[in-house]
Amino acid sequence: MRGYRAPKFRTFACRGMWLLGSVLGSALSLAAQQPAVASTQSSPDSSSPQQQAAPGSNEGRTARFIGYATNPSTFFPDIATSPGPLTTGGKFKLFVNQSISPPYVLEAASSAAFDQARNVPRGYGQGWDAYGSRFGANMARASSSSFFGTFLFASLLHEDPRFFPESKPSVWRSLKYSTQRIVITRNDSGKDVFNTSGLLGPLASEGLANVYLPSSEQTVGKTFTRFAADLAWRVGGNMFKDYWPTFFRNMGLNRLKVIPDPGKQAK
């Protein structure tokens, strides 16, 4: 049975990588066509720790270290640092930064380890090769979800894929707000709208995943189960992002000016 299924799985994997590569190639071409003047607009990646303190000083070294951990293009790329809209090129850059951000990698690794322990999907089997397959599939699903939701649909529908944290979150308030932002987002004009891109993104990603996941996972039920799990993970991620700037502010590190002030960008 394994000798029969392995070639079939490799064929699905090759088709999935070819399809994803074609889509990303088209996205690169679209982003490259954006006018250069767009780079003058505010974006979540416009702030740089290098502009905050003089190099060589203790505060400068601390600022660079804290900046690495809090710069939205490094750890939480989709935390908004300005109320202004993102250009199509800015949304594409946000998608790229999300795809390689530490939370994406850690989530993919931990989820792969959990599935390895449960031997899910069974088609992967056990061993390091199986873990690598699970980890790769998780990274592919996360990256394609970001591509569809953060870049493609957000650009077509003129929606803002960033997360705007609260100024003074509490546990219950943050849970409520983080859940609401799953179905509500801002458009490029700053108005609250239904989060079509944020919901279609992971759904399209899970549909695409049926090309390279084992055949046991290629059912409508399994697809929507993964989609629901994606949304649940997103609520938890939103809570981390809601507290992220406030944590550094309460630690007195906002004086380093390497993170946004949540009070200036709260709803």
Protein backbone atom coordinates (compact mmCIF):
# COMPACT_ATOMS: atom_id res chain seq x y z
CA MET A 1 0.00 0.00 0.00
CA ARG A 2 2.81 2.42 0.86
CA GLY A 3 4.55 1.70 -2.43
CA TYR A 4 1.39 2.73 -4.22
CA ARG A 5 0.60 5.89 -2.22
CA ALA A 6 4.08 7.43 -2.15
CA PRO A 7 4.25 8.28 -5.89
CA LYS A 8 0.73 9.68 -5.68
CA PHE A 9 1.71 11.90 -2.76
CA ARG A 10 4.84 13.13 -4.56
CA THR A 11 2.72 13.99 -7.58
CA PHE A 12 0.32 16.01 -5.40
CA ALA A 13 3.23 17.77 -3.69
CA CYS A 14 4.83 18.71 -7.01
CA ARG A 15 1.54 20.07 -8.32
CA GLY A 16 0.98 22.04 -5.14
CA MET A 17 4.44 23.61 -5.22
CA TRP A 18 4.07 24.45 -8.92
CA LEU A 19 0.68 26.08 -8.32
CA LEU A 20 1.89 28.06 -5.31
CA GLY A 21 5.01 29.14 -7.20
CA SER A 22 2.91 30.37 -10.12
CA VAL A 23 0.68 32.37 -7.79
CA LEU A 24 3.64 33.92 -5.98
CA GLY A 25 5.27 34.79 -9.29
CA SER A 26 2.15 36.65 -10.36
CA ALA A 27 2.10 38.45 -7.02
CA LEU A 28 5.69 39.59 -7.43
CA SER A 29 4.89 40.99 -10.86
CA LEU A 30 1.86 42.85 -9.49
CA ALA A 31 3.79 44.29 -6.56
CA ALA A 32 6.63 45.38 -8.82
CA GLN A 33 4.23 47.45 -10.89
CA GLN A 34 3.36 49.74 -7.97
CA PRO A 35 4.59 53.35 -8.35
CA ALA A 36 7.74 54.27 -6.49
CA VAL A 37 6.03 57.23 -4.82
CA ALA A 38 4.09 54.77 -2.66
CA SER A 39 7.21 54.22 -0.58
CA THR A 40 6.78 57.70 0.91
CA GLN A 41 3.53 56.71 2.62
CA SER A 42 3.41 55.46 6.17
CA SER A 43 3.51 51.71 6.63
CA PRO A 44 4.06 49.32 9.54
CA ASP A 45 7.62 48.79 8.36
CA SER A 46 8.56 52.45 8.06
CA SER A 47 10.06 52.74 11.54
CA SER A 48 13.64 51.61 11.98
CA PRO A 49 15.55 51.04 15.23
CA GLN A 50 18.63 52.52 13.53
CA GLN A 51 17.04 55.98 13.72
CA GLN A 52 16.32 55.87 17.41
CA ALA A 53 19.60 56.14 19.29
CA ALA A 54 23.21 56.95 18.65
CA PRO A 55 25.28 53.82 17.92
CA GLY A 56 27.88 52.88 20.46
CA SER A 57 25.92 53.98 23.53
CA ASN A 58 24.38 51.50 25.96
CA GLU A 59 20.92 52.82 25.13
CA GLY A 60 21.70 52.43 21.44
CA ARG A 61 22.64 48.77 21.86
CA THR A 62 19.57 48.16 24.01
CA ALA A 63 17.38 49.89 21.45
CA ARG A 64 18.72 47.71 18.67
CA PHE A 65 18.08 44.57 20.72
CA ILE A 66 14.57 45.59 21.78
CA GLY A 67 13.92 46.80 18.25
CA TYR A 68 14.73 43.37 16.87
CA ALA A 69 12.20 41.78 19.21
CA THR A 70 9.47 44.36 18.69
CA ASN A 71 9.91 45.64 15.14
CA PRO A 72 6.66 44.68 13.41
CA SER A 73 8.57 43.50 10.34
CA THR A 74 10.40 40.93 12.47
CA PHE A 75 8.16 39.40 15.12
CA PHE A 76 4.59 40.63 14.61
CA PRO A 77 4.65 42.24 11.17
CA ASP A 78 0.93 42.98 11.12
CA ILE A 79 0.85 45.20 14.22
CA ALA A 80 -0.10 48.60 12.81
CA THR A 81 2.30 51.46 13.56
CA SER A 82 0.41 54.15 11.65
CA PRO A 83 -3.25 54.82 10.85
CA GLY A 84 -2.54 55.46 7.17
CA PRO A 85 -3.51 52.88 4.53
CA LEU A 86 -1.15 50.33 3.03
CA THR A 87 -0.36 50.29 -0.66
CA THR A 88 -0.55 47.06 -2.65
CA GLY A 89 3.22 46.87 -2.45
CA GLY A 90 3.04 47.38 1.32
CA LYS A 91 0.56 44.52 1.66
CA PHE A 92 2.82 42.28 -0.38
CA LYS A 93 5.80 43.17 1.83
CA LEU A 94 3.66 42.45 4.89
CA PHE A 95 2.79 39.02 3.48
CA VAL A 96 6.49 38.22 2.94
CA ASN A 97 7.43 39.36 6.45
CA GLN A 98 4.61 37.32 7.96
CA SER A 99 5.70 34.18 6.11
CA ILE A 100 9.15 34.23 7.72
CA SER A 101 8.22 35.69 11.11
CA PRO A 102 9.13 33.71 14.28
CA PRO A 103 5.50 33.11 15.36
CA TYR A 104 4.75 31.39 12.03
CA VAL A 105 7.79 29.14 12.37
CA LEU A 106 7.13 28.33 16.04
CA GLU A 107 3.47 27.60 15.43
CA ALA A 108 4.30 25.33 12.48
CA ALA A 109 6.96 23.49 14.49
CA SER A 110 4.84 22.99 17.62
CA SER A 111 1.78 21.97 15.63
CA ALA A 112 3.87 19.47 13.65
CA ALA A 113 5.22 17.99 16.90
CA PHE A 114 1.70 17.69 18.33
CA ASP A 115 0.43 16.00 15.15
CA GLN A 116 3.49 13.74 15.12
CA ALA A 117 2.65 12.53 18.62
CA ARG A 118 -0.93 11.81 17.52
CA ASN A 119 0.24 10.39 14.18
CA VAL A 120 -2.04 12.78 12.27
CA PRO A 121 -2.30 12.62 9.32
CA ARG A 122 -1.47 8.91 9.29
CA GLY A 123 -0.34 9.14 5.67
CA TYR A 124 2.89 10.81 6.79
CA GLY A 125 3.87 8.01 9.16
CA GLN A 126 6.54 8.52 11.83
CA GLY A 127 10.20 9.52 11.96
CA TRP A 128 12.09 12.72 11.14
CA ASP A 129 11.05 12.62 7.50
CA ALA A 130 7.42 12.51 8.57
CA TYR A 131 7.97 15.42 10.96
CA GLY A 132 9.61 17.39 8.17
CA SER A 133 6.61 16.73 5.94
CA ARG A 134 4.21 17.92 8.64
CA PHE A 135 6.30 21.00 9.36
CA GLY A 136 6.59 21.84 5.66
CA ALA A 137 2.86 21.42 5.13
CA ASN A 138 2.12 23.70 8.10
CA MET A 139 4.49 26.38 6.80
CA ALA A 140 2.96 26.13 3.33
CA ARG A 141 -0.56 26.50 4.74
CA ALA A 142 0.45 29.50 6.88
CA SER A 143 2.29 31.23 4.03
CA SER A 144 -0.48 30.67 1.50
CA SER A 145 -3.05 31.90 4.04
CA SER A 146 -1.04 35.08 4.46
CA PHE A 147 -0.67 35.42 0.70
CA PHE A 148 -4.39 35.14 0.05
CA GLY A 149 -5.62 37.08 3.10
CA THR A 150 -2.92 39.69 3.66
CA PHE A 151 -2.02 40.45 0.06
CA LEU A 152 -4.34 39.19 -2.68
CA PHE A 153 -7.86 39.56 -1.24
CA ALA A 154 -6.90 42.55 0.92
CA SER A 155 -5.61 44.34 -2.19
CA LEU A 156 -8.60 43.44 -4.35
CA LEU A 157 -11.14 44.38 -1.65
CA HIS A 158 -9.21 47.41 -0.34
CA GLU A 159 -9.08 46.06 3.20
CA ASP A 160 -6.38 46.65 5.81
CA PRO A 161 -4.90 43.32 6.98
CA ARG A 162 -3.05 44.81 9.95
CA PHE A 163 -3.97 44.44 13.62
CA PHE A 164 -4.60 47.61 15.63
CA PRO A 165 -3.94 46.88 19.33
CA GLU A 166 -5.91 48.43 22.18
CA SER A 167 -4.36 51.06 24.42
CA LYS A 168 -5.27 49.39 27.75
CA PRO A 169 -6.29 45.76 27.20
CA SER A 170 -7.69 43.53 29.93
CA VAL A 171 -8.02 39.75 29.64
CA TRP A 172 -11.76 39.70 28.95
CA ARG A 173 -11.71 42.85 26.85
CA SER A 174 -8.75 41.58 24.85
CA LEU A 175 -10.41 38.20 24.26
CA LYS A 176 -13.56 39.94 23.04
CA TYR A 177 -11.65 42.38 20.84
CA SER A 178 -9.35 39.67 19.43
CA THR A 179 -12.36 37.56 18.50
CA GLN A 180 -14.18 40.49 16.93
CA ARG A 181 -11.21 41.28 14.70
CA ILE A 182 -11.62 37.88 13.08
CA VAL A 183 -14.85 39.06 11.45
CA ILE A 184 -14.26 42.82 11.48
CA THR A 185 -11.38 44.73 9.96
CA ARG A 186 -10.64 48.20 8.63
CA ASN A 187 -10.78 49.14 5.01
CA ASP A 188 -8.22 51.40 3.37
CA SER A 189 -10.37 54.39 4.36
CA GLY A 190 -10.15 53.49 8.06
CA LYS A 191 -13.76 52.33 8.43
CA ASP A 192 -14.79 49.04 10.06
CA VAL A 193 -16.03 46.49 7.52
CA PHE A 194 -16.69 42.76 7.36
CA ASN A 195 -13.35 40.95 7.28
CA THR A 196 -13.87 39.22 3.95
CA SER A 197 -10.18 38.94 3.11
CA GLY A 198 -9.30 37.64 6.58
CA LEU A 199 -11.86 34.83 6.29
CA LEU A 200 -11.37 33.96 2.62
CA GLY A 201 -7.59 33.84 3.06
CA PRO A 202 -7.35 30.81 5.37
CA LEU A 203 -10.28 29.13 3.59
CA ALA A 204 -8.53 29.42 0.22
CA SER A 205 -5.30 28.22 1.84
CA GLU A 206 -6.96 25.08 3.21
CA GLY A 207 -8.54 24.44 -0.18
CA LEU A 208 -5.11 24.68 -1.80
CA ALA A 209 -3.68 22.38 0.89
CA ASN A 210 -5.83 19.56 -0.45
CA VAL A 211 -3.44 19.42 -3.39
CA TYR A 212 -0.45 18.34 -1.30
CA LEU A 213 -1.89 16.85 1.91
CA PRO A 214 -2.46 13.07 2.13
CA SER A 215 -5.69 11.83 0.54
CA SER A 216 -7.23 11.18 3.97
CA GLU A 217 -7.23 14.95 4.58
CA GLN A 218 -8.78 15.90 1.24
CA THR A 219 -12.40 15.92 2.35
CA VAL A 220 -14.82 18.78 2.87
CA GLY A 221 -15.13 17.96 6.57
CA LYS A 222 -11.36 17.93 7.15
CA THR A 223 -10.95 21.13 5.15
CA PHE A 224 -13.44 23.04 7.30
CA THR A 225 -12.01 21.50 10.48
CA ARG A 226 -8.58 22.90 9.58
CA PHE A 227 -10.21 26.22 8.69
CA ALA A 228 -11.89 26.42 12.12
CA ALA A 229 -8.58 25.57 13.82
CA ASP A 230 -6.89 28.35 11.83
CA LEU A 231 -9.41 30.88 13.14
CA ALA A 232 -8.96 29.66 16.71
CA TRP A 233 -5.18 30.04 16.42
CA ARG A 234 -5.75 33.53 15.03
CA VAL A 235 -7.77 34.58 18.09
CA GLY A 236 -4.90 33.52 20.33
CA GLY A 237 -2.40 35.31 18.12
CA ASN A 238 -4.50 38.47 18.23
CA MET A 239 -4.39 38.43 22.03
CA PHE A 240 -0.59 38.27 21.98
CA LYS A 241 -0.49 41.16 19.53
CA ASP A 242 -2.99 43.13 21.62
CA TYR A 243 -0.72 42.96 24.67
CA TRP A 244 2.61 43.20 22.82
CA PRO A 245 3.05 47.01 22.69
CA THR A 246 1.48 47.51 26.14
CA PHE A 247 3.88 45.01 27.69
CA PHE A 248 6.91 46.98 26.53
CA ARG A 249 5.27 50.27 27.51
CA ASN A 250 4.58 48.99 31.04
CA MET A 251 8.19 47.79 31.29
CA GLY A 252 9.29 51.36 30.63
CA LEU A 253 10.86 50.45 27.30
CA ASN A 254 8.68 52.76 25.23
CA ARG A 255 11.18 55.55 25.91
CA LEU A 256 13.47 53.77 23.46
CA LYS A 257 10.91 54.68 20.79
CA VAL A 258 11.31 51.41 18.88
CA ILE A 259 7.67 50.38 19.20
CA PRO A 260 4.41 52.26 18.55
CA ASP A 261 2.45 53.83 21.38
CA PRO A 262 -0.79 51.79 21.57
CA GLY A 263 -2.66 54.85 22.83
CA LYS A 264 -2.14 56.59 19.50
CA GLN A 265 -3.55 53.79 17.38
CA ALA A 266 -6.37 52.34 19.43
CA LYS A 267 -9.87 52.31 18.08
